[in-house]
Amino acid sequence: MNIDPSAVAEIDRITAHGPRWFRVSVTAGGCNGFEKHFELVDNQELDDISLVDRVLVDPISYLLIANATLSYQQDLSGCQFVLSVPEAVSNCGCGRSFAI
């Protein structure tokens, strides 16, 4: 998984004084089949894959997003982490789920 410098900077900022890790995961669900999740956690699971310095992905999610890019985007409508999955054949309108 690729992590854009914008995402690295924001993850470093939000984990500097709080939770240690930024977890990226994918679960079955959403309107397109797979739903993306981002959360701050204090603990690393034994089978987690550690990316960069503070990003964790579970092994099952990693199979689905190994070629994805995580970025942090800021515009007039707000700020958000965005996970772009090149294998996705469709995405929902809000960007929370995708289909492969």
PDB file of N, CA and C in Angstrom:
ATOM      1  N   MET A   1       0.844  -1.170   0.000  1.00  0.00           N
ATOM      2  CA  MET A   1       0.000   0.000   0.000  1.00  0.00           C
ATOM      3  C   MET A   1       0.893   1.237   0.000  1.00  0.00           C
ATOM      4  N   ASN A   2       0.567   2.169  -0.840  1.00  0.00           N
ATOM      5  CA  ASN A   2       1.303   3.430  -0.909  1.00  0.00           C
ATOM      6  C   ASN A   2       0.659   4.441   0.032  1.00  0.00           C
ATOM      7  N   ILE A   3       1.490   5.207   0.700  1.00  0.00           N
ATOM      8  CA  ILE A   3       0.973   6.240   1.590  1.00  0.00           C
ATOM      9  C   ILE A   3       1.565   7.570   1.152  1.00  0.00           C
ATOM     10  N   ASP A   4       0.691   8.436   0.676  1.00  0.00           N
ATOM     11  CA  ASP A   4       1.078   9.756   0.184  1.00  0.00           C
ATOM     12  C   ASP A   4       1.682  10.585   1.326  1.00  0.00           C
ATOM     13  N   PRO A   5       2.654  11.434   1.017  1.00  0.00           N
ATOM     14  CA  PRO A   5       3.239  12.297   2.063  1.00  0.00           C
ATOM     15  C   PRO A   5       2.203  13.142   2.818  1.00  0.00           C
ATOM     16  N   SER A   6       1.118  13.518   2.153  1.00  0.00           N
ATOM     17  CA  SER A   6       0.073  14.291   2.832  1.00  0.00           C
ATOM     18  C   SER A   6      -0.569  13.466   3.951  1.00  0.00           C
ATOM     19  N   ALA A   7      -0.764  12.172   3.700  1.00  0.00           N
ATOM     20  CA  ALA A   7      -1.342  11.289   4.713  1.00  0.00           C
ATOM     21  C   ALA A   7      -0.352  11.032   5.840  1.00  0.00           C
ATOM     22  N   VAL A   8       0.916  10.836   5.510  1.00  0.00           N
ATOM     23  CA  VAL A   8       1.939  10.621   6.534  1.00  0.00           C
ATOM     24  C   VAL A   8       1.993  11.815   7.484  1.00  0.00           C
ATOM     25  N   ALA A   9       1.989  13.018   6.935  1.00  0.00           N
ATOM     26  CA  ALA A   9       2.064  14.225   7.759  1.00  0.00           C
ATOM     27  C   ALA A   9       0.853  14.341   8.684  1.00  0.00           C
ATOM     28  N   GLU A  10      -0.340  14.076   8.172  1.00  0.00           N
ATOM     29  CA  GLU A  10      -1.545  14.190   8.996  1.00  0.00           C
ATOM     30  C   GLU A  10      -1.591  13.081  10.054  1.00  0.00           C
ATOM     31  N   ILE A  11      -1.199  11.879   9.702  1.00  0.00           N
ATOM     32  CA  ILE A  11      -1.166  10.786  10.676  1.00  0.00           C
ATOM     33  C   ILE A  11      -0.163  11.098  11.779  1.00  0.00           C
ATOM     34  N   ASP A  12       0.999  11.607  11.410  1.00  0.00           N
ATOM     35  CA  ASP A  12       1.985  12.007  12.425  1.00  0.00           C
ATOM     36  C   ASP A  12       1.410  13.074  13.350  1.00  0.00           C
ATOM     37  N   ARG A  13       0.670  14.017  12.767  1.00  0.00           N
ATOM     38  CA  ARG A  13       0.095  15.099  13.571  1.00  0.00           C
ATOM     39  C   ARG A  13      -0.938  14.575  14.562  1.00  0.00           C
ATOM     40  N   ILE A  14      -1.851  13.733  14.097  1.00  0.00           N
ATOM     41  CA  ILE A  14      -2.949  13.293  14.968  1.00  0.00           C
ATOM     42  C   ILE A  14      -2.540  12.197  15.950  1.00  0.00           C
ATOM     43  N   THR A  15      -1.432  11.529  15.716  1.00  0.00           N
ATOM     44  CA  THR A  15      -0.980  10.500  16.658  1.00  0.00           C
ATOM     45  C   THR A  15       0.164  10.972  17.544  1.00  0.00           C
ATOM     46  N   ALA A  16       0.584  12.210  17.405  1.00  0.00           N
ATOM     47  CA  ALA A  16       1.724  12.717  18.175  1.00  0.00           C
ATOM     48  C   ALA A  16       1.466  12.702  19.681  1.00  0.00           C
ATOM     49  N   HIS A  17       0.243  12.998  20.103  1.00  0.00           N
ATOM     50  CA  HIS A  17      -0.043  13.082  21.536  1.00  0.00           C
ATOM     51  C   HIS A  17      -1.208  12.200  21.951  1.00  0.00           C
ATOM     52  N   GLY A  18      -1.661  11.351  21.060  1.00  0.00           N
ATOM     53  CA  GLY A  18      -2.831  10.536  21.370  1.00  0.00           C
ATOM     54  C   GLY A  18      -2.573   9.073  21.067  1.00  0.00           C
ATOM     55  N   PRO A  19      -3.536   8.423  20.455  1.00  0.00           N
ATOM     56  CA  PRO A  19      -3.361   7.013  20.119  1.00  0.00           C
ATOM     57  C   PRO A  19      -2.115   6.804  19.263  1.00  0.00           C
ATOM     58  N   ARG A  20      -1.506   5.665  19.425  1.00  0.00           N
ATOM     59  CA  ARG A  20      -0.226   5.375  18.785  1.00  0.00           C
ATOM     60  C   ARG A  20      -0.358   5.033  17.305  1.00  0.00           C
ATOM     61  N   TRP A  21      -1.467   4.428  16.903  1.00  0.00           N
ATOM     62  CA  TRP A  21      -1.569   3.873  15.549  1.00  0.00           C
ATOM     63  C   TRP A  21      -2.784   4.410  14.794  1.00  0.00           C
ATOM     64  N   PHE A  22      -2.656   4.417  13.468  1.00  0.00           N
ATOM     65  CA  PHE A  22      -3.747   4.741  12.547  1.00  0.00           C
ATOM     66  C   PHE A  22      -4.042   3.456  11.785  1.00  0.00           C
ATOM     67  N   ARG A  23      -5.223   2.878  11.997  1.00  0.00           N
ATOM     68  CA  ARG A  23      -5.571   1.594  11.386  1.00  0.00           C
ATOM     69  C   ARG A  23      -6.425   1.805  10.133  1.00  0.00           C
ATOM     70  N   VAL A  24      -6.044   1.135   9.060  1.00  0.00           N
ATOM     71  CA  VAL A  24      -6.813   1.103   7.818  1.00  0.00           C
ATOM     72  C   VAL A  24      -7.346  -0.313   7.675  1.00  0.00           C
ATOM     73  N   SER A  25      -8.651  -0.448   7.442  1.00  0.00           N
ATOM     74  CA  SER A  25      -9.218  -1.780   7.273  1.00  0.00           C
ATOM     75  C   SER A  25     -10.339  -1.743   6.243  1.00  0.00           C
ATOM     76  N   VAL A  26     -10.688  -2.932   5.785  1.00  0.00           N
ATOM     77  CA  VAL A  26     -11.771  -3.100   4.815  1.00  0.00           C
ATOM     78  C   VAL A  26     -12.666  -4.215   5.336  1.00  0.00           C
ATOM     79  N   THR A  27     -13.975  -3.975   5.334  1.00  0.00           N
ATOM     80  CA  THR A  27     -14.929  -4.991   5.756  1.00  0.00           C
ATOM     81  C   THR A  27     -15.959  -5.198   4.652  1.00  0.00           C
ATOM     82  N   ALA A  28     -16.607  -6.350   4.692  1.00  0.00           N
ATOM     83  CA  ALA A  28     -17.701  -6.602   3.762  1.00  0.00           C
ATOM     84  C   ALA A  28     -18.847  -5.688   4.143  1.00  0.00           C
ATOM     85  N   GLY A  29     -19.416  -5.017   3.160  1.00  0.00           N
ATOM     86  CA  GLY A  29     -20.547  -4.133   3.434  1.00  0.00           C
ATOM     87  C   GLY A  29     -20.511  -2.883   2.589  1.00  0.00           C
ATOM     88  N   GLY A  30     -21.260  -1.912   3.005  1.00  0.00           N
ATOM     89  CA  GLY A  30     -21.371  -0.685   2.228  1.00  0.00           C
ATOM     90  C   GLY A  30     -22.264  -0.927   1.029  1.00  0.00           C
ATOM     91  N   CYS A  31     -22.449   0.063   0.222  1.00  0.00           N
ATOM     92  CA  CYS A  31     -23.356  -0.069  -0.922  1.00  0.00           C
ATOM     93  C   CYS A  31     -22.676  -0.703  -2.137  1.00  0.00           C
ATOM     94  N   ASN A  32     -21.357  -0.955  -2.069  1.00  0.00           N
ATOM     95  CA  ASN A  32     -20.658  -1.530  -3.218  1.00  0.00           C
ATOM     96  C   ASN A  32     -19.929  -2.833  -2.919  1.00  0.00           C
ATOM     97  N   GLY A  33     -19.995  -3.341  -1.697  1.00  0.00           N
ATOM     98  CA  GLY A  33     -19.385  -4.635  -1.411  1.00  0.00           C
ATOM     99  C   GLY A  33     -18.305  -4.614  -0.353  1.00  0.00           C
ATOM    100  N   PHE A  34     -17.403  -3.636  -0.403  1.00  0.00           N
ATOM    101  CA  PHE A  34     -16.334  -3.518   0.587  1.00  0.00           C
ATOM    102  C   PHE A  34     -16.303  -2.090   1.121  1.00  0.00           C
ATOM    103  N   GLU A  35     -16.320  -1.973   2.435  1.00  0.00           N
ATOM    104  CA  GLU A  35     -16.336  -0.652   3.053  1.00  0.00           C
ATOM    105  C   GLU A  35     -14.977  -0.341   3.684  1.00  0.00           C
ATOM    106  N   LYS A  36     -14.494   0.870   3.457  1.00  0.00           N
ATOM    107  CA  LYS A  36     -13.203   1.329   3.980  1.00  0.00           C
ATOM    108  C   LYS A  36     -13.405   1.909   5.373  1.00  0.00           C
ATOM    109  N   HIS A  37     -12.439   1.624   6.268  1.00  0.00           N
ATOM    110  CA  HIS A  37     -12.505   2.153   7.629  1.00  0.00           C
ATOM    111  C   HIS A  37     -11.148   2.720   8.035  1.00  0.00           C
ATOM    112  N   PHE A  38     -11.193   3.807   8.772  1.00  0.00           N
ATOM    113  CA  PHE A  38     -10.003   4.422   9.353  1.00  0.00           C
ATOM    114  C   PHE A  38     -10.292   4.636  10.831  1.00  0.00           C
ATOM    115  N   GLU A  39      -9.336   4.277  11.689  1.00  0.00           N
ATOM    116  CA  GLU A  39      -9.526   4.519  13.113  1.00  0.00           C
ATOM    117  C   GLU A  39      -8.187   4.688  13.813  1.00  0.00           C
ATOM    118  N   LEU A  40      -8.230   5.354  14.935  1.00  0.00           N
ATOM    119  CA  LEU A  40      -7.054   5.528  15.774  1.00  0.00           C
ATOM    120  C   LEU A  40      -7.114   4.471  16.866  1.00  0.00           C
ATOM    121  N   VAL A  41      -6.013   3.754  17.074  1.00  0.00           N
ATOM    122  CA  VAL A  41      -5.966   2.693  18.077  1.00  0.00           C
ATOM    123  C   VAL A  41      -4.686   2.804  18.899  1.00  0.00           C
ATOM    124  N   ASP A  42      -4.760   2.279  20.104  1.00  0.00           N
ATOM    125  CA  ASP A  42      -3.603   2.302  20.995  1.00  0.00           C
ATOM    126  C   ASP A  42      -2.726   1.061  20.873  1.00  0.00           C
ATOM    127  N   ASN A  43      -3.314  -0.039  20.391  1.00  0.00           N
ATOM    128  CA  ASN A  43      -2.580  -1.301  20.385  1.00  0.00           C
ATOM    129  C   ASN A  43      -2.487  -1.916  19.000  1.00  0.00           C
ATOM    130  N   GLN A  44      -1.400  -2.599  18.772  1.00  0.00           N
ATOM    131  CA  GLN A  44      -1.177  -3.322  17.527  1.00  0.00           C
ATOM    132  C   GLN A  44      -1.533  -4.789  17.762  1.00  0.00           C
ATOM    133  N   GLU A  45      -2.258  -5.400  16.823  1.00  0.00           N
ATOM    134  CA  GLU A  45      -2.572  -6.827  16.903  1.00  0.00           C
ATOM    135  C   GLU A  45      -1.358  -7.629  16.437  1.00  0.00           C
ATOM    136  N   LEU A  46      -1.258  -8.881  16.869  1.00  0.00           N
ATOM    137  CA  LEU A  46      -0.087  -9.712  16.545  1.00  0.00           C
ATOM    138  C   LEU A  46       0.132  -9.898  15.046  1.00  0.00           C
ATOM    139  N   ASP A  47      -0.957 -10.002  14.284  1.00  0.00           N
ATOM    140  CA  ASP A  47      -0.815 -10.265  12.850  1.00  0.00           C
ATOM    141  C   ASP A  47      -0.890  -9.008  11.983  1.00  0.00           C
ATOM    142  N   ASP A  48      -0.963  -7.834  12.599  1.00  0.00           N
ATOM    143  CA  ASP A  48      -1.020  -6.583  11.837  1.00  0.00           C
ATOM    144  C   ASP A  48       0.224  -6.366  10.989  1.00  0.00           C
ATOM    145  N   ILE A  49       0.024  -5.742   9.866  1.00  0.00           N
ATOM    146  CA  ILE A  49       1.118  -5.315   8.998  1.00  0.00           C
ATOM    147  C   ILE A  49       1.337  -3.835   9.299  1.00  0.00           C
ATOM    148  N   SER A  50       2.559  -3.479   9.639  1.00  0.00           N
ATOM    149  CA  SER A  50       2.888  -2.101   9.967  1.00  0.00           C
ATOM    150  C   SER A  50       3.485  -1.422   8.747  1.00  0.00           C
ATOM    151  N   LEU A  51       2.896  -0.303   8.350  1.00  0.00           N
ATOM    152  CA  LEU A  51       3.359   0.459   7.202  1.00  0.00           C
ATOM    153  C   LEU A  51       3.840   1.823   7.666  1.00  0.00           C
ATOM    154  N   VAL A  52       4.832   2.363   7.009  1.00  0.00           N
ATOM    155  CA  VAL A  52       5.422   3.648   7.368  1.00  0.00           C
ATOM    156  C   VAL A  52       5.784   3.559   8.847  1.00  0.00           C
ATOM    157  N   ASP A  53       5.370   4.524   9.633  1.00  0.00           N
ATOM    158  CA  ASP A  53       5.729   4.518  11.041  1.00  0.00           C
ATOM    159  C   ASP A  53       4.549   4.196  11.937  1.00  0.00           C
ATOM    160  N   ARG A  54       3.361   4.639  11.581  1.00  0.00           N
ATOM    161  CA  ARG A  54       2.220   4.531  12.481  1.00  0.00           C
ATOM    162  C   ARG A  54       0.956   3.986  11.820  1.00  0.00           C
ATOM    163  N   VAL A  55       1.067   3.350  10.667  1.00  0.00           N
ATOM    164  CA  VAL A  55      -0.099   2.844   9.954  1.00  0.00           C
ATOM    165  C   VAL A  55      -0.146   1.320  10.060  1.00  0.00           C
ATOM    166  N   LEU A  56      -1.317   0.793  10.452  1.00  0.00           N
ATOM    167  CA  LEU A  56      -1.527  -0.642  10.579  1.00  0.00           C
ATOM    168  C   LEU A  56      -2.609  -1.100   9.611  1.00  0.00           C
ATOM    169  N   VAL A  57      -2.434  -2.313   9.084  1.00  0.00           N
ATOM    170  CA  VAL A  57      -3.444  -2.950   8.238  1.00  0.00           C
ATOM    171  C   VAL A  57      -3.489  -4.422   8.625  1.00  0.00           C
ATOM    172  N   ASP A  58      -4.691  -4.967   8.801  1.00  0.00           N
ATOM    173  CA  ASP A  58      -4.793  -6.394   9.085  1.00  0.00           C
ATOM    174  C   ASP A  58      -4.520  -7.179   7.795  1.00  0.00           C
ATOM    175  N   PRO A  59      -4.080  -8.430   7.900  1.00  0.00           N
ATOM    176  CA  PRO A  59      -3.687  -9.193   6.705  1.00  0.00           C
ATOM    177  C   PRO A  59      -4.801  -9.389   5.673  1.00  0.00           C
ATOM    178  N   ILE A  60      -6.038  -9.580   6.111  1.00  0.00           N
ATOM    179  CA  ILE A  60      -7.152  -9.780   5.167  1.00  0.00           C
ATOM    180  C   ILE A  60      -7.414  -8.493   4.384  1.00  0.00           C
ATOM    181  N   SER A  61      -7.457  -7.371   5.082  1.00  0.00           N
ATOM    182  CA  SER A  61      -7.659  -6.087   4.397  1.00  0.00           C
ATOM    183  C   SER A  61      -6.525  -5.814   3.429  1.00  0.00           C
ATOM    184  N   TYR A  62      -5.305  -6.143   3.852  1.00  0.00           N
ATOM    185  CA  TYR A  62      -4.143  -5.873   3.008  1.00  0.00           C
ATOM    186  C   TYR A  62      -4.247  -6.588   1.657  1.00  0.00           C
ATOM    187  N   LEU A  63      -4.823  -7.789   1.637  1.00  0.00           N
ATOM    188  CA  LEU A  63      -5.002  -8.502   0.364  1.00  0.00           C
ATOM    189  C   LEU A  63      -5.855  -7.698  -0.613  1.00  0.00           C
ATOM    190  N   LEU A  64      -6.806  -6.941  -0.093  1.00  0.00           N
ATOM    191  CA  LEU A  64      -7.708  -6.152  -0.938  1.00  0.00           C
ATOM    192  C   LEU A  64      -7.148  -4.790  -1.321  1.00  0.00           C
ATOM    193  N   ILE A  65      -6.229  -4.261  -0.512  1.00  0.00           N
ATOM    194  CA  ILE A  65      -5.762  -2.889  -0.736  1.00  0.00           C
ATOM    195  C   ILE A  65      -4.243  -2.779  -0.888  1.00  0.00           C
ATOM    196  N   ALA A  66      -3.597  -3.873  -1.215  1.00  0.00           N
ATOM    197  CA  ALA A  66      -2.129  -3.876  -1.332  1.00  0.00           C
ATOM    198  C   ALA A  66      -1.626  -2.845  -2.338  1.00  0.00           C
ATOM    199  N   ASN A  67      -2.371  -2.585  -3.402  1.00  0.00           N
ATOM    200  CA  ASN A  67      -1.956  -1.626  -4.433  1.00  0.00           C
ATOM    201  C   ASN A  67      -2.618  -0.260  -4.274  1.00  0.00           C
ATOM    202  N   ALA A  68      -3.341  -0.073  -3.184  1.00  0.00           N
ATOM    203  CA  ALA A  68      -4.068   1.180  -2.960  1.00  0.00           C
ATOM    204  C   ALA A  68      -3.124   2.304  -2.532  1.00  0.00           C
ATOM    205  N   THR A  69      -3.633   3.518  -2.625  1.00  0.00           N
ATOM    206  CA  THR A  69      -2.902   4.700  -2.159  1.00  0.00           C
ATOM    207  C   THR A  69      -3.758   5.433  -1.139  1.00  0.00           C
ATOM    208  N   LEU A  70      -3.164   5.691   0.024  1.00  0.00           N
ATOM    209  CA  LEU A  70      -3.818   6.465   1.066  1.00  0.00           C
ATOM    210  C   LEU A  70      -3.316   7.902   0.969  1.00  0.00           C
ATOM    211  N   SER A  71      -4.246   8.842   0.875  1.00  0.00           N
ATOM    212  CA  SER A  71      -3.870  10.263   0.829  1.00  0.00           C
ATOM    213  C   SER A  71      -4.753  11.034   1.804  1.00  0.00           C
ATOM    214  N   TYR A  72      -4.373  12.273   2.038  1.00  0.00           N
ATOM    215  CA  TYR A  72      -5.160  13.169   2.881  1.00  0.00           C
ATOM    216  C   TYR A  72      -5.476  14.383   2.040  1.00  0.00           C
ATOM    217  N   GLN A  73      -6.764  14.639   1.847  1.00  0.00           N
ATOM    218  CA  GLN A  73      -7.175  15.723   0.966  1.00  0.00           C
ATOM    219  C   GLN A  73      -7.894  16.817   1.740  1.00  0.00           C
ATOM    220  N   GLN A  74      -7.549  18.058   1.398  1.00  0.00           N
ATOM    221  CA  GLN A  74      -8.192  19.233   1.993  1.00  0.00           C
ATOM    222  C   GLN A  74      -8.740  20.089   0.864  1.00  0.00           C
ATOM    223  N   ASP A  75     -10.013  20.463   0.986  1.00  0.00           N
ATOM    224  CA  ASP A  75     -10.601  21.380   0.019  1.00  0.00           C
ATOM    225  C   ASP A  75     -11.683  22.199   0.706  1.00  0.00           C
ATOM    226  N   LEU A  76     -12.435  22.938  -0.035  1.00  0.00           N
ATOM    227  CA  LEU A  76     -13.451  23.818   0.551  1.00  0.00           C
ATOM    228  C   LEU A  76     -14.549  23.063   1.290  1.00  0.00           C
ATOM    229  N   SER A  77     -14.772  21.803   0.938  1.00  0.00           N
ATOM    230  CA  SER A  77     -15.832  21.046   1.603  1.00  0.00           C
ATOM    231  C   SER A  77     -15.347  20.327   2.856  1.00  0.00           C
ATOM    232  N   GLY A  78     -14.032  20.312   3.109  1.00  0.00           N
ATOM    233  CA  GLY A  78     -13.526  19.683   4.322  1.00  0.00           C
ATOM    234  C   GLY A  78     -12.223  18.937   4.093  1.00  0.00           C
ATOM    235  N   CYS A  79     -11.871  18.137   5.076  1.00  0.00           N
ATOM    236  CA  CYS A  79     -10.633  17.353   5.047  1.00  0.00           C
ATOM    237  C   CYS A  79     -10.992  15.890   5.264  1.00  0.00           C
ATOM    238  N   GLN A  80     -10.264  15.001   4.581  1.00  0.00           N
ATOM    239  CA  GLN A  80     -10.537  13.579   4.762  1.00  0.00           C
ATOM    240  C   GLN A  80      -9.392  12.727   4.251  1.00  0.00           C
ATOM    241  N   PHE A  81      -9.274  11.522   4.834  1.00  0.00           N
ATOM    242  CA  PHE A  81      -8.374  10.521   4.294  1.00  0.00           C
ATOM    243  C   PHE A  81      -9.095   9.836   3.143  1.00  0.00           C
ATOM    244  N   VAL A  82      -8.367   9.561   2.086  1.00  0.00           N
ATOM    245  CA  VAL A  82      -8.941   8.920   0.905  1.00  0.00           C
ATOM    246  C   VAL A  82      -8.096   7.708   0.565  1.00  0.00           C
ATOM    247  N   LEU A  83      -8.754   6.567   0.398  1.00  0.00           N
ATOM    248  CA  LEU A  83      -8.080   5.339  -0.005  1.00  0.00           C
ATOM    249  C   LEU A  83      -8.505   5.030  -1.436  1.00  0.00           C
ATOM    250  N   SER A  84      -7.571   5.154  -2.369  1.00  0.00           N
ATOM    251  CA  SER A  84      -7.848   4.897  -3.784  1.00  0.00           C
ATOM    252  C   SER A  84      -7.376   3.496  -4.119  1.00  0.00           C
ATOM    253  N   VAL A  85      -8.310   2.648  -4.548  1.00  0.00           N
ATOM    254  CA  VAL A  85      -8.020   1.251  -4.850  1.00  0.00           C
ATOM    255  C   VAL A  85      -8.063   1.069  -6.362  1.00  0.00           C
ATOM    256  N   PRO A  86      -6.898   0.860  -7.016  1.00  0.00           N
ATOM    257  CA  PRO A  86      -6.888   0.783  -8.480  1.00  0.00           C
ATOM    258  C   PRO A  86      -7.655  -0.409  -9.045  1.00  0.00           C
ATOM    259  N   GLU A  87      -7.813  -1.478  -8.280  1.00  0.00           N
ATOM    260  CA  GLU A  87      -8.555  -2.655  -8.763  1.00  0.00           C
ATOM    261  C   GLU A  87     -10.063  -2.493  -8.670  1.00  0.00           C
ATOM    262  N   ALA A  88     -10.528  -1.441  -8.027  1.00  0.00           N
ATOM    263  CA  ALA A  88     -11.969  -1.227  -7.861  1.00  0.00           C
ATOM    264  C   ALA A  88     -12.629  -0.999  -9.219  1.00  0.00           C
ATOM    265  N   VAL A  89     -13.715  -1.708  -9.448  1.00  0.00           N
ATOM    266  CA  VAL A  89     -14.466  -1.539 -10.695  1.00  0.00           C
ATOM    267  C   VAL A  89     -15.584  -0.522 -10.530  1.00  0.00           C
ATOM    268  N   SER A  90     -15.930  -0.231  -9.256  1.00  0.00           N
ATOM    269  CA  SER A  90     -16.896   0.826  -8.984  1.00  0.00           C
ATOM    270  C   SER A  90     -16.712   1.317  -7.554  1.00  0.00           C
ATOM    271  N   ASN A  91     -17.122   2.566  -7.330  1.00  0.00           N
ATOM    272  CA  ASN A  91     -17.091   3.198  -6.020  1.00  0.00           C
ATOM    273  C   ASN A  91     -18.454   3.793  -5.747  1.00  0.00           C
ATOM    274  N   CYS A  92     -18.824   3.888  -4.473  1.00  0.00           N
ATOM    275  CA  CYS A  92     -20.096   4.530  -4.161  1.00  0.00           C
ATOM    276  C   CYS A  92     -19.925   6.044  -4.259  1.00  0.00           C
ATOM    277  N   GLY A  93     -21.005   6.760  -4.254  1.00  0.00           N
ATOM    278  CA  GLY A  93     -20.963   8.210  -4.397  1.00  0.00           C
ATOM    279  C   GLY A  93     -20.250   8.913  -3.266  1.00  0.00           C
ATOM    280  N   CYS A  94     -20.335   8.381  -2.056  1.00  0.00           N
ATOM    281  CA  CYS A  94     -19.678   9.053  -0.922  1.00  0.00           C
ATOM    282  C   CYS A  94     -18.223   8.627  -0.769  1.00  0.00           C
ATOM    283  N   GLY A  95     -17.781   7.611  -1.502  1.00  0.00           N
ATOM    284  CA  GLY A  95     -16.393   7.176  -1.442  1.00  0.00           C
ATOM    285  C   GLY A  95     -16.053   6.222  -0.328  1.00  0.00           C
ATOM    286  N   ARG A  96     -17.042   5.752   0.423  1.00  0.00           N
ATOM    287  CA  ARG A  96     -16.779   4.849   1.556  1.00  0.00           C
ATOM    288  C   ARG A  96     -16.697   3.388   1.157  1.00  0.00           C
ATOM    289  N   SER A  97     -17.238   3.003   0.025  1.00  0.00           N
ATOM    290  CA  SER A  97     -17.185   1.590  -0.353  1.00  0.00           C
ATOM    291  C   SER A  97     -16.805   1.443  -1.824  1.00  0.00           C
ATOM    292  N   PHE A  98     -16.384   0.216  -2.148  1.00  0.00           N
ATOM    293  CA  PHE A  98     -15.941  -0.070  -3.507  1.00  0.00           C
ATOM    294  C   PHE A  98     -16.231  -1.535  -3.827  1.00  0.00           C
ATOM    295  N   ALA A  99     -16.189  -1.862  -5.097  1.00  0.00           N
ATOM    296  CA  ALA A  99     -16.373  -3.247  -5.566  1.00  0.00           C
ATOM    297  C   ALA A  99     -15.156  -3.642  -6.378  1.00  0.00           C
ATOM    298  N   ILE A 100     -14.809  -4.902  -6.256  1.00  0.00           N
ATOM    299  CA  ILE A 100     -13.670  -5.443  -7.033  1.00  0.00           C
ATOM    300  C   ILE A 100     -14.216  -6.510  -7.961  1.00  0.00           C
TER     301      ILE A 100
END
